């Protein structure tokens, strides 16, 4: 997988990180669930890139 495709995948995962983080914070009202959501999203993005 070339570098431009890897960067595209990271940008594609950046939007759900920002929007989803706000939604998770609005639902739970605290930051620990947001951190868990962000870590899970980072692991999925890392798995896709390493593939």
PDB file of N, CA and C in Angstrom:
ATOM      1  N   UNK A   1       0.851  -1.164   0.000  1.00  0.00           N
ATOM      2  CA  UNK A   1       0.000   0.000   0.000  1.00  0.00           C
ATOM      3  C   UNK A   1       0.903   1.235   0.000  1.00  0.00           C
ATOM      4  N   UNK A   2       0.644   2.168  -0.911  1.00  0.00           N
ATOM      5  CA  UNK A   2       1.509   3.335  -0.996  1.00  0.00           C
ATOM      6  C   UNK A   2       1.145   4.384   0.050  1.00  0.00           C
ATOM      7  N   UNK A   3       2.032   5.362   0.186  1.00  0.00           N
ATOM      8  CA  UNK A   3       1.895   6.352   1.254  1.00  0.00           C
ATOM      9  C   UNK A   3       0.664   7.233   1.063  1.00  0.00           C
ATOM     10  N   UNK A   4       0.314   7.554  -0.182  1.00  0.00           N
ATOM     11  CA  UNK A   4      -0.856   8.413  -0.392  1.00  0.00           C
ATOM     12  C   UNK A   4      -2.151   7.703   0.030  1.00  0.00           C
ATOM     13  N   UNK A   5      -2.215   6.419  -0.198  1.00  0.00           N
ATOM     14  CA  UNK A   5      -3.400   5.678   0.233  1.00  0.00           C
ATOM     15  C   UNK A   5      -3.465   5.593   1.759  1.00  0.00           C
ATOM     16  N   UNK A   6      -2.329   5.404   2.411  1.00  0.00           N
ATOM     17  CA  UNK A   6      -2.295   5.362   3.872  1.00  0.00           C
ATOM     18  C   UNK A   6      -2.740   6.699   4.461  1.00  0.00           C
ATOM     19  N   UNK A   7      -2.257   7.785   3.897  1.00  0.00           N
ATOM     20  CA  UNK A   7      -2.667   9.099   4.396  1.00  0.00           C
ATOM     21  C   UNK A   7      -4.148   9.351   4.150  1.00  0.00           C
ATOM     22  N   UNK A   8      -4.657   8.880   3.026  1.00  0.00           N
ATOM     23  CA  UNK A   8      -6.079   9.011   2.749  1.00  0.00           C
ATOM     24  C   UNK A   8      -6.935   8.269   3.756  1.00  0.00           C
ATOM     25  N   UNK A   9      -6.496   7.089   4.146  1.00  0.00           N
ATOM     26  CA  UNK A   9      -7.230   6.315   5.149  1.00  0.00           C
ATOM     27  C   UNK A   9      -7.211   7.035   6.491  1.00  0.00           C
ATOM     28  N   UNK A  10      -6.082   7.615   6.859  1.00  0.00           N
ATOM     29  CA  UNK A  10      -6.010   8.350   8.124  1.00  0.00           C
ATOM     30  C   UNK A  10      -6.902   9.583   8.103  1.00  0.00           C
ATOM     31  N   UNK A  11      -6.963  10.296   6.986  1.00  0.00           N
ATOM     32  CA  UNK A  11      -7.863  11.447   6.874  1.00  0.00           C
ATOM     33  C   UNK A  11      -9.306  10.980   6.943  1.00  0.00           C
ATOM     34  N   UNK A  12      -9.606   9.873   6.264  1.00  0.00           N
ATOM     35  CA  UNK A  12     -10.958   9.321   6.284  1.00  0.00           C
ATOM     36  C   UNK A  12     -11.375   8.932   7.699  1.00  0.00           C
ATOM     37  N   UNK A  13     -10.448   8.479   8.521  1.00  0.00           N
ATOM     38  CA  UNK A  13     -10.750   8.120   9.905  1.00  0.00           C
ATOM     39  C   UNK A  13     -10.727   9.345  10.822  1.00  0.00           C
ATOM     40  N   UNK A  14     -10.172  10.449  10.355  1.00  0.00           N
ATOM     41  CA  UNK A  14     -10.120  11.661  11.168  1.00  0.00           C
ATOM     42  C   UNK A  14     -11.483  12.300  11.360  1.00  0.00           C
ATOM     43  N   UNK A  15     -12.315  12.243  10.339  1.00  0.00           N
ATOM     44  CA  UNK A  15     -13.655  12.836  10.437  1.00  0.00           C
ATOM     45  C   UNK A  15     -14.500  12.106  11.483  1.00  0.00           C
ATOM     46  N   UNK A  16     -14.574  10.765  11.457  1.00  0.00           N
ATOM     47  CA  UNK A  16     -15.334  10.098  12.524  1.00  0.00           C
ATOM     48  C   UNK A  16     -14.734  10.339  13.916  1.00  0.00           C
ATOM     49  N   UNK A  17     -13.429  10.564  13.984  1.00  0.00           N
ATOM     50  CA  UNK A  17     -12.810  10.829  15.282  1.00  0.00           C
ATOM     51  C   UNK A  17     -13.319  12.143  15.861  1.00  0.00           C
ATOM     52  N   UNK A  18     -13.417  13.162  15.029  1.00  0.00           N
ATOM     53  CA  UNK A  18     -13.860  14.469  15.506  1.00  0.00           C
ATOM     54  C   UNK A  18     -15.366  14.477  15.764  1.00  0.00           C
ATOM     55  N   UNK A  19     -16.132  14.068  14.782  1.00  0.00           N
ATOM     56  CA  UNK A  19     -17.588  14.092  14.915  1.00  0.00           C
ATOM     57  C   UNK A  19     -18.065  13.060  15.928  1.00  0.00           C
ATOM     58  N   UNK A  20     -17.535  11.852  15.825  1.00  0.00           N
ATOM     59  CA  UNK A  20     -17.927  10.790  16.755  1.00  0.00           C
ATOM     60  C   UNK A  20     -17.530  11.086  18.182  1.00  0.00           C
ATOM     61  N   UNK A  21     -16.367  11.709  18.358  1.00  0.00           N
ATOM     62  CA  UNK A  21     -15.953  12.088  19.706  1.00  0.00           C
ATOM     63  C   UNK A  21     -16.921  13.071  20.343  1.00  0.00           C
ATOM     64  N   UNK A  22     -17.410  14.012  19.546  1.00  0.00           N
ATOM     65  CA  UNK A  22     -18.403  14.954  20.058  1.00  0.00           C
ATOM     66  C   UNK A  22     -19.711  14.283  20.402  1.00  0.00           C
ATOM     67  N   UNK A  23     -20.113  13.338  19.566  1.00  0.00           N
ATOM     68  CA  UNK A  23     -21.369  12.616  19.831  1.00  0.00           C
ATOM     69  C   UNK A  23     -21.243  11.767  21.091  1.00  0.00           C
ATOM     70  N   UNK A  24     -20.119  11.079  21.229  1.00  0.00           N
ATOM     71  CA  UNK A  24     -19.906  10.248  22.426  1.00  0.00           C
ATOM     72  C   UNK A  24     -19.879  11.120  23.678  1.00  0.00           C
ATOM     73  N   UNK A  25     -19.231  12.286  23.586  1.00  0.00           N
ATOM     74  CA  UNK A  25     -19.212  13.182  24.744  1.00  0.00           C
ATOM     75  C   UNK A  25     -20.618  13.689  25.075  1.00  0.00           C
ATOM     76  N   UNK A  26     -21.413  13.986  24.047  1.00  0.00           N
ATOM     77  CA  UNK A  26     -22.771  14.469  24.291  1.00  0.00           C
ATOM     78  C   UNK A  26     -23.636  13.392  24.947  1.00  0.00           C
ATOM     79  N   UNK A  27     -23.413  12.141  24.576  1.00  0.00           N
ATOM     80  CA  UNK A  27     -24.214  11.055  25.140  1.00  0.00           C
ATOM     81  C   UNK A  27     -23.813  10.774  26.585  1.00  0.00           C
ATOM     82  N   UNK A  28     -22.494  10.645  26.833  1.00  0.00           N
ATOM     83  CA  UNK A  28     -22.026  10.234  28.159  1.00  0.00           C
ATOM     84  C   UNK A  28     -21.687  11.404  29.078  1.00  0.00           C
ATOM     85  N   UNK A  29     -21.334  12.551  28.525  1.00  0.00           N
ATOM     86  CA  UNK A  29     -21.052  13.726  29.345  1.00  0.00           C
ATOM     87  C   UNK A  29     -19.722  13.710  30.057  1.00  0.00           C
ATOM     88  N   UNK A  30     -18.805  12.838  29.661  1.00  0.00           N
ATOM     89  CA  UNK A  30     -17.480  12.812  30.268  1.00  0.00           C
ATOM     90  C   UNK A  30     -16.460  12.345  29.238  1.00  0.00           C
ATOM     91  N   UNK A  31     -15.201  12.535  29.562  1.00  0.00           N
ATOM     92  CA  UNK A  31     -14.157  12.238  28.590  1.00  0.00           C
ATOM     93  C   UNK A  31     -13.663  10.791  28.534  1.00  0.00           C
ATOM     94  N   UNK A  32     -13.724  10.003  29.582  1.00  0.00           N
ATOM     95  CA  UNK A  32     -13.232   8.616  29.465  1.00  0.00           C
ATOM     96  C   UNK A  32     -13.878   7.799  28.337  1.00  0.00           C
ATOM     97  N   UNK A  33     -15.199   7.873  28.122  1.00  0.00           N
ATOM     98  CA  UNK A  33     -15.750   7.142  26.974  1.00  0.00           C
ATOM     99  C   UNK A  33     -15.232   7.668  25.633  1.00  0.00           C
ATOM    100  N   UNK A  34     -14.942   8.964  25.571  1.00  0.00           N
ATOM    101  CA  UNK A  34     -14.392   9.541  24.341  1.00  0.00           C
ATOM    102  C   UNK A  34     -13.008   8.970  24.084  1.00  0.00           C
ATOM    103  N   UNK A  35     -12.194   8.854  25.127  1.00  0.00           N
ATOM    104  CA  UNK A  35     -10.858   8.281  24.972  1.00  0.00           C
ATOM    105  C   UNK A  35     -10.931   6.830  24.515  1.00  0.00           C
ATOM    106  N   UNK A  36     -11.860   6.086  25.053  1.00  0.00           N
ATOM    107  CA  UNK A  36     -12.032   4.685  24.638  1.00  0.00           C
ATOM    108  C   UNK A  36     -12.439   4.618  23.171  1.00  0.00           C
ATOM    109  N   UNK A  37     -13.375   5.476  22.770  1.00  0.00           N
ATOM    110  CA  UNK A  37     -13.814   5.523  21.379  1.00  0.00           C
ATOM    111  C   UNK A  37     -12.641   5.872  20.454  1.00  0.00           C
ATOM    112  N   UNK A  38     -11.854   6.859  20.849  1.00  0.00           N
ATOM    113  CA  UNK A  38     -10.721   7.282  20.018  1.00  0.00           C
ATOM    114  C   UNK A  38      -9.666   6.171  19.913  1.00  0.00           C
ATOM    115  N   UNK A  39      -9.406   5.469  20.994  1.00  0.00           N
ATOM    116  CA  UNK A  39      -8.427   4.374  20.964  1.00  0.00           C
ATOM    117  C   UNK A  39      -8.914   3.252  20.056  1.00  0.00           C
ATOM    118  N   UNK A  40     -10.192   2.908  20.154  1.00  0.00           N
ATOM    119  CA  UNK A  40     -10.730   1.866  19.275  1.00  0.00           C
ATOM    120  C   UNK A  40     -10.645   2.280  17.807  1.00  0.00           C
ATOM    121  N   UNK A  41     -10.959   3.532  17.522  1.00  0.00           N
ATOM    122  CA  UNK A  41     -10.872   4.022  16.152  1.00  0.00           C
ATOM    123  C   UNK A  41      -9.429   4.017  15.660  1.00  0.00           C
ATOM    124  N   UNK A  42      -8.498   4.358  16.523  1.00  0.00           N
ATOM    125  CA  UNK A  42      -7.082   4.335  16.161  1.00  0.00           C
ATOM    126  C   UNK A  42      -6.605   2.911  15.880  1.00  0.00           C
ATOM    127  N   UNK A  43      -7.052   1.951  16.674  1.00  0.00           N
ATOM    128  CA  UNK A  43      -6.676   0.557  16.440  1.00  0.00           C
ATOM    129  C   UNK A  43      -7.234   0.041  15.115  1.00  0.00           C
ATOM    130  N   UNK A  44      -8.457   0.407  14.804  1.00  0.00           N
ATOM    131  CA  UNK A  44      -9.044  -0.023  13.525  1.00  0.00           C
ATOM    132  C   UNK A  44      -8.295   0.610  12.360  1.00  0.00           C
ATOM    133  N   UNK A  45      -7.996   1.902  12.454  1.00  0.00           N
ATOM    134  CA  UNK A  45      -7.257   2.570  11.383  1.00  0.00           C
ATOM    135  C   UNK A  45      -5.865   1.986  11.233  1.00  0.00           C
ATOM    136  N   UNK A  46      -5.208   1.688  12.342  1.00  0.00           N
ATOM    137  CA  UNK A  46      -3.885   1.061  12.278  1.00  0.00           C
ATOM    138  C   UNK A  46      -3.935  -0.320  11.662  1.00  0.00           C
ATOM    139  N   UNK A  47      -4.982  -1.065  11.960  1.00  0.00           N
ATOM    140  CA  UNK A  47      -5.142  -2.393  11.361  1.00  0.00           C
ATOM    141  C   UNK A  47      -5.359  -2.327   9.862  1.00  0.00           C
ATOM    142  N   UNK A  48      -6.125  -1.324   9.425  1.00  0.00           N
ATOM    143  CA  UNK A  48      -6.373  -1.178   7.989  1.00  0.00           C
ATOM    144  C   UNK A  48      -5.091  -0.768   7.266  1.00  0.00           C
ATOM    145  N   UNK A  49      -4.316   0.108   7.875  1.00  0.00           N
ATOM    146  CA  UNK A  49      -3.085   0.584   7.239  1.00  0.00           C
ATOM    147  C   UNK A  49      -2.041  -0.528   7.160  1.00  0.00           C
ATOM    148  N   UNK A  50      -1.935  -1.334   8.190  1.00  0.00           N
ATOM    149  CA  UNK A  50      -0.938  -2.397   8.196  1.00  0.00           C
ATOM    150  C   UNK A  50      -1.291  -3.544   7.251  1.00  0.00           C
ATOM    151  N   UNK A  51      -2.513  -3.625   6.848  1.00  0.00           N
ATOM    152  CA  UNK A  51      -3.012  -4.706   6.000  1.00  0.00           C
ATOM    153  C   UNK A  51      -2.372  -4.761   4.658  1.00  0.00           C
TER     154      UNK A  51
END
